[in-house]
PDB file of N, CA and C in Angstrom:
ATOM      1  N   MET A   1     146.537 192.015  34.356  1.00  0.00           N
ATOM      2  CA  MET A   1     146.084 190.942  33.635  1.00  0.00           C
ATOM      3  C   MET A   1     144.513 190.780  33.738  1.00  0.00           C
ATOM      4  N   ILE A   2     143.915 190.639  32.493  1.00  0.00           N
ATOM      5  CA  ILE A   2     142.554 190.466  32.535  1.00  0.00           C
ATOM      6  C   ILE A   2     142.051 189.049  32.353  1.00  0.00           C
ATOM      7  N   PRO A   3     140.720 188.718  32.834  1.00  0.00           N
ATOM      8  CA  PRO A   3     140.380 187.402  32.739  1.00  0.00           C
ATOM      9  C   PRO A   3     140.402 186.741  31.413  1.00  0.00           C
ATOM     10  N   ASN A   4     140.634 185.558  31.266  1.00  0.00           N
ATOM     11  CA  ASN A   4     140.568 184.856  29.827  1.00  0.00           C
ATOM     12  C   ASN A   4     139.185 184.335  29.717  1.00  0.00           C
ATOM     13  N   ASP A   5     138.429 183.859  30.711  1.00  0.00           N
ATOM     14  CA  ASP A   5     137.174 183.318  30.499  1.00  0.00           C
ATOM     15  C   ASP A   5     136.114 184.564  30.058  1.00  0.00           C
ATOM     16  N   PRO A   6     135.339 184.189  28.939  1.00  0.00           N
ATOM     17  CA  PRO A   6     134.541 185.393  28.363  1.00  0.00           C
ATOM     18  C   PRO A   6     133.424 185.873  29.455  1.00  0.00           C
ATOM     19  N   VAL A   7     133.006 185.064  30.200  1.00  0.00           N
ATOM     20  CA  VAL A   7     131.863 185.532  31.100  1.00  0.00           C
ATOM     21  C   VAL A   7     132.568 186.351  32.299  1.00  0.00           C
ATOM     22  N   MET A   8     133.582 185.931  32.706  1.00  0.00           N
ATOM     23  CA  MET A   8     134.435 186.741  33.776  1.00  0.00           C
ATOM     24  C   MET A   8     134.952 187.995  33.262  1.00  0.00           C
ATOM     25  N   LEU A   9     135.433 187.988  31.898  1.00  0.00           N
ATOM     26  CA  LEU A   9     135.924 189.148  31.261  1.00  0.00           C
ATOM     27  C   LEU A   9     134.755 190.111  31.055  1.00  0.00           C
ATOM     28  N   LEU A  10     133.593 189.736  30.821  1.00  0.00           N
ATOM     29  CA  LEU A  10     132.388 190.593  30.643  1.00  0.00           C
ATOM     30  C   LEU A  10     132.214 191.278  32.018  1.00  0.00           C
ATOM     31  N   SER A  11     132.120 190.581  32.964  1.00  0.00           N
ATOM     32  CA  SER A  11     131.937 191.221  34.450  1.00  0.00           C
ATOM     33  C   SER A  11     133.146 192.192  34.741  1.00  0.00           C
ATOM     34  N   TYR A  12     134.386 191.771  34.505  1.00  0.00           N
ATOM     35  CA  TYR A  12     135.518 192.507  34.915  1.00  0.00           C
ATOM     36  C   TYR A  12     135.498 194.004  33.964  1.00  0.00           C
ATOM     37  N   VAL A  13     135.263 193.831  32.821  1.00  0.00           N
ATOM     38  CA  VAL A  13     135.188 194.955  31.832  1.00  0.00           C
ATOM     39  C   VAL A  13     134.225 195.887  32.151  1.00  0.00           C
ATOM     40  N   ASN A  14     132.983 195.434  32.253  1.00  0.00           N
ATOM     41  CA  ASN A  14     131.721 196.246  32.695  1.00  0.00           C
ATOM     42  C   ASN A  14     132.104 197.000  34.025  1.00  0.00           C
ATOM     43  N   LEU A  15     132.578 196.315  34.949  1.00  0.00           N
ATOM     44  CA  LEU A  15     132.942 196.955  36.175  1.00  0.00           C
ATOM     45  C   LEU A  15     133.928 198.134  36.092  1.00  0.00           C
ATOM     46  N   LYS A  16     135.048 197.881  35.298  1.00  0.00           N
ATOM     47  CA  LYS A  16     135.982 198.862  35.124  1.00  0.00           C
ATOM     48  C   LYS A  16     135.386 199.977  34.101  1.00  0.00           C
ATOM     49  N   LEU A  17     134.662 199.723  33.257  1.00  0.00           N
ATOM     50  CA  LEU A  17     134.119 200.912  32.423  1.00  0.00           C
ATOM     51  C   LEU A  17     133.120 201.636  33.284  1.00  0.00           C
ATOM     52  N   ARG A  18     132.288 200.995  34.175  1.00  0.00           N
ATOM     53  CA  ARG A  18     131.305 201.745  35.079  1.00  0.00           C
ATOM     54  C   ARG A  18     131.986 202.645  36.097  1.00  0.00           C
ATOM     55  N   ASP A  19     132.999 202.063  36.540  1.00  0.00           N
ATOM     56  CA  ASP A  19     133.652 202.796  37.781  1.00  0.00           C
ATOM     57  C   ASP A  19     134.883 203.698  37.490  1.00  0.00           C
ATOM     58  N   PHE A  20     135.696 203.248  36.435  1.00  0.00           N
ATOM     59  CA  PHE A  20     136.928 203.911  36.181  1.00  0.00           C
ATOM     60  C   PHE A  20     137.283 204.660  34.929  1.00  0.00           C
ATOM     61  N   TYR A  21     136.593 204.128  33.826  1.00  0.00           N
ATOM     62  CA  TYR A  21     136.876 204.661  32.347  1.00  0.00           C
ATOM     63  C   TYR A  21     135.820 205.166  31.719  1.00  0.00           C
ATOM     64  N   LYS A  22     136.101 206.337  30.896  1.00  0.00           N
ATOM     65  CA  LYS A  22     134.908 207.052  30.047  1.00  0.00           C
ATOM     66  C   LYS A  22     134.582 206.077  28.935  1.00  0.00           C
ATOM     67  N   ASN A  23     135.526 205.348  28.350  1.00  0.00           N
ATOM     68  CA  ASN A  23     135.248 204.474  27.272  1.00  0.00           C
ATOM     69  C   ASN A  23     136.147 203.225  27.187  1.00  0.00           C
ATOM     70  N   LEU A  24     135.788 202.419  26.067  1.00  0.00           N
ATOM     71  CA  LEU A  24     136.568 201.204  26.044  1.00  0.00           C
ATOM     72  C   LEU A  24     137.986 201.586  25.559  1.00  0.00           C
ATOM     73  N   ASP A  25     138.149 202.445  24.753  1.00  0.00           N
ATOM     74  CA  ASP A  25     139.495 202.681  24.293  1.00  0.00           C
ATOM     75  C   ASP A  25     140.436 203.316  25.604  1.00  0.00           C
ATOM     76  N   ALA A  26     139.832 204.011  26.283  1.00  0.00           N
ATOM     77  CA  ALA A  26     140.585 204.249  27.545  1.00  0.00           C
ATOM     78  C   ALA A  26     141.002 203.164  28.364  1.00  0.00           C
ATOM     79  N   LEU A  27     140.022 202.327  28.728  1.00  0.00           N
ATOM     80  CA  LEU A  27     140.403 200.968  29.326  1.00  0.00           C
ATOM     81  C   LEU A  27     141.408 200.220  28.812  1.00  0.00           C
ATOM     82  N   CYS A  28     141.360 199.986  27.450  1.00  0.00           N
ATOM     83  CA  CYS A  28     142.396 199.236  26.723  1.00  0.00           C
ATOM     84  C   CYS A  28     143.730 199.887  26.640  1.00  0.00           C
ATOM     85  N   GLU A  29     143.670 201.138  26.637  1.00  0.00           N
ATOM     86  CA  GLU A  29     144.959 201.885  26.557  1.00  0.00           C
ATOM     87  C   GLU A  29     145.660 201.701  27.942  1.00  0.00           C
ATOM     88  N   ASP A  30     144.981 202.003  29.094  1.00  0.00           N
ATOM     89  CA  ASP A  30     145.407 201.937  30.347  1.00  0.00           C
ATOM     90  C   ASP A  30     145.879 200.670  30.884  1.00  0.00           C
ATOM     91  N   LEU A  31     145.082 199.532  30.397  1.00  0.00           N
ATOM     92  CA  LEU A  31     145.449 198.163  30.938  1.00  0.00           C
ATOM     93  C   LEU A  31     146.333 197.515  29.889  1.00  0.00           C
ATOM     94  N   ASP A  32     146.613 198.232  28.683  1.00  0.00           N
ATOM     95  CA  ASP A  32     147.574 197.620  27.710  1.00  0.00           C
ATOM     96  C   ASP A  32     147.006 196.376  27.097  1.00  0.00           C
ATOM     97  N   VAL A  33     145.757 196.294  26.734  1.00  0.00           N
ATOM     98  CA  VAL A  33     145.094 195.136  26.095  1.00  0.00           C
ATOM     99  C   VAL A  33     144.566 195.578  24.702  1.00  0.00           C
ATOM    100  N   ASP A  34     144.499 194.593  23.964  1.00  0.00           N
ATOM    101  CA  ASP A  34     143.995 194.634  22.468  1.00  0.00           C
ATOM    102  C   ASP A  34     142.523 194.857  22.597  1.00  0.00           C
ATOM    103  N   ARG A  35     142.041 196.127  21.991  1.00  0.00           N
ATOM    104  CA  ARG A  35     140.601 196.090  22.059  1.00  0.00           C
ATOM    105  C   ARG A  35     139.873 195.248  21.285  1.00  0.00           C
ATOM    106  N   SER A  36     140.379 194.981  20.105  1.00  0.00           N
ATOM    107  CA  SER A  36     139.797 193.971  19.057  1.00  0.00           C
ATOM    108  C   SER A  36     139.727 192.582  19.752  1.00  0.00           C
ATOM    109  N   GLU A  37     140.639 192.272  20.591  1.00  0.00           N
ATOM    110  CA  GLU A  37     140.628 190.797  21.223  1.00  0.00           C
ATOM    111  C   GLU A  37     139.509 190.883  22.322  1.00  0.00           C
ATOM    112  N   VAL A  38     139.366 191.937  23.068  1.00  0.00           N
ATOM    113  CA  VAL A  38     138.253 191.990  23.931  1.00  0.00           C
ATOM    114  C   VAL A  38     136.954 192.028  23.371  1.00  0.00           C
ATOM    115  N   VAL A  39     136.768 192.806  22.323  1.00  0.00           N
ATOM    116  CA  VAL A  39     135.469 192.806  21.511  1.00  0.00           C
ATOM    117  C   VAL A  39     135.106 191.433  20.887  1.00  0.00           C
ATOM    118  N   GLU A  40     136.154 190.798  20.274  1.00  0.00           N
ATOM    119  CA  GLU A  40     135.864 189.548  19.614  1.00  0.00           C
ATOM    120  C   GLU A  40     135.421 188.586  20.772  1.00  0.00           C
ATOM    121  N   LYS A  41     136.256 188.430  21.857  1.00  0.00           N
ATOM    122  CA  LYS A  41     135.908 187.483  22.873  1.00  0.00           C
ATOM    123  C   LYS A  41     134.560 187.618  23.495  1.00  0.00           C
ATOM    124  N   LEU A  42     133.966 188.767  23.649  1.00  0.00           N
ATOM    125  CA  LEU A  42     132.621 189.076  24.238  1.00  0.00           C
ATOM    126  C   LEU A  42     131.638 188.941  23.021  1.00  0.00           C
ATOM    127  N   MET A  43     132.031 189.251  21.807  1.00  0.00           N
ATOM    128  CA  MET A  43     131.076 188.898  20.735  1.00  0.00           C
ATOM    129  C   MET A  43     130.761 187.368  20.785  1.00  0.00           C
ATOM    130  N   GLY A  44     131.780 186.595  21.098  1.00  0.00           N
ATOM    131  CA  GLY A  44     131.532 185.098  21.212  1.00  0.00           C
ATOM    132  C   GLY A  44     130.528 184.655  22.140  1.00  0.00           C
ATOM    133  N   ILE A  45     130.150 185.476  23.022  1.00  0.00           N
ATOM    134  CA  ILE A  45     129.043 185.200  24.055  1.00  0.00           C
ATOM    135  C   ILE A  45     127.982 186.163  23.817  1.00  0.00           C
ATOM    136  N   ASN A  46     127.839 186.719  22.332  1.00  0.00           N
ATOM    137  CA  ASN A  46     126.821 187.608  22.207  1.00  0.00           C
ATOM    138  C   ASN A  46     126.654 188.905  22.824  1.00  0.00           C
ATOM    139  N   TYR A  47     127.704 189.423  23.252  1.00  0.00           N
ATOM    140  CA  TYR A  47     127.808 190.831  23.740  1.00  0.00           C
ATOM    141  C   TYR A  47     128.500 191.818  22.989  1.00  0.00           C
ATOM    142  N   HIS A  48     127.901 193.035  22.730  1.00  0.00           N
ATOM    143  CA  HIS A  48     128.767 194.153  21.926  1.00  0.00           C
ATOM    144  C   HIS A  48     128.818 195.329  22.694  1.00  0.00           C
ATOM    145  N   TYR A  49     129.872 196.177  22.484  1.00  0.00           N
ATOM    146  CA  TYR A  49     129.855 197.348  23.040  1.00  0.00           C
ATOM    147  C   TYR A  49     128.935 198.379  22.771  1.00  0.00           C
ATOM    148  N   ASP A  50     128.308 199.081  23.733  1.00  0.00           N
ATOM    149  CA  ASP A  50     127.493 200.052  23.515  1.00  0.00           C
ATOM    150  C   ASP A  50     128.065 201.473  24.135  1.00  0.00           C
ATOM    151  N   GLU A  51     128.495 202.198  23.049  1.00  0.00           N
ATOM    152  CA  GLU A  51     129.009 203.562  23.321  1.00  0.00           C
ATOM    153  C   GLU A  51     128.388 204.275  24.249  1.00  0.00           C
ATOM    154  N   GLU A  52     127.036 204.565  24.031  1.00  0.00           N
ATOM    155  CA  GLU A  52     126.215 205.423  24.851  1.00  0.00           C
ATOM    156  C   GLU A  52     126.021 204.930  26.332  1.00  0.00           C
ATOM    157  N   LYS A  53     126.063 203.600  26.510  1.00  0.00           N
ATOM    158  CA  LYS A  53     125.940 203.125  27.873  1.00  0.00           C
ATOM    159  C   LYS A  53     127.293 202.857  28.600  1.00  0.00           C
ATOM    160  N   ASN A  54     128.365 202.874  27.652  1.00  0.00           N
ATOM    161  CA  ASN A  54     129.668 202.510  28.116  1.00  0.00           C
ATOM    162  C   ASN A  54     129.819 201.133  28.752  1.00  0.00           C
ATOM    163  N   GLN A  55     129.036 200.249  28.187  1.00  0.00           N
ATOM    164  CA  GLN A  55     128.986 198.909  28.654  1.00  0.00           C
ATOM    165  C   GLN A  55     128.834 197.900  27.399  1.00  0.00           C
ATOM    166  N   PHE A  56     129.208 196.589  27.853  1.00  0.00           N
ATOM    167  CA  PHE A  56     128.841 195.595  26.793  1.00  0.00           C
ATOM    168  C   PHE A  56     127.504 195.046  27.147  1.00  0.00           C
ATOM    169  N   VAL A  57     126.754 195.026  26.216  1.00  0.00           N
ATOM    170  CA  VAL A  57     125.234 194.690  26.489  1.00  0.00           C
ATOM    171  C   VAL A  57     124.880 193.507  25.509  1.00  0.00           C
TER     172      VAL A  57
END
């Protein structure tokens, strides 16, 4: 289960991307979460996924 709070979600997702996953799609598939839901929630706190950095910035 991933965090519901957007700030906690940001920290969680960026840690997982940095340490375990080559991209957001791999993370979402492995954790069985909806990519668009994660992106929308993080866009709500002005973060977007940067593919080159493999992080939300």
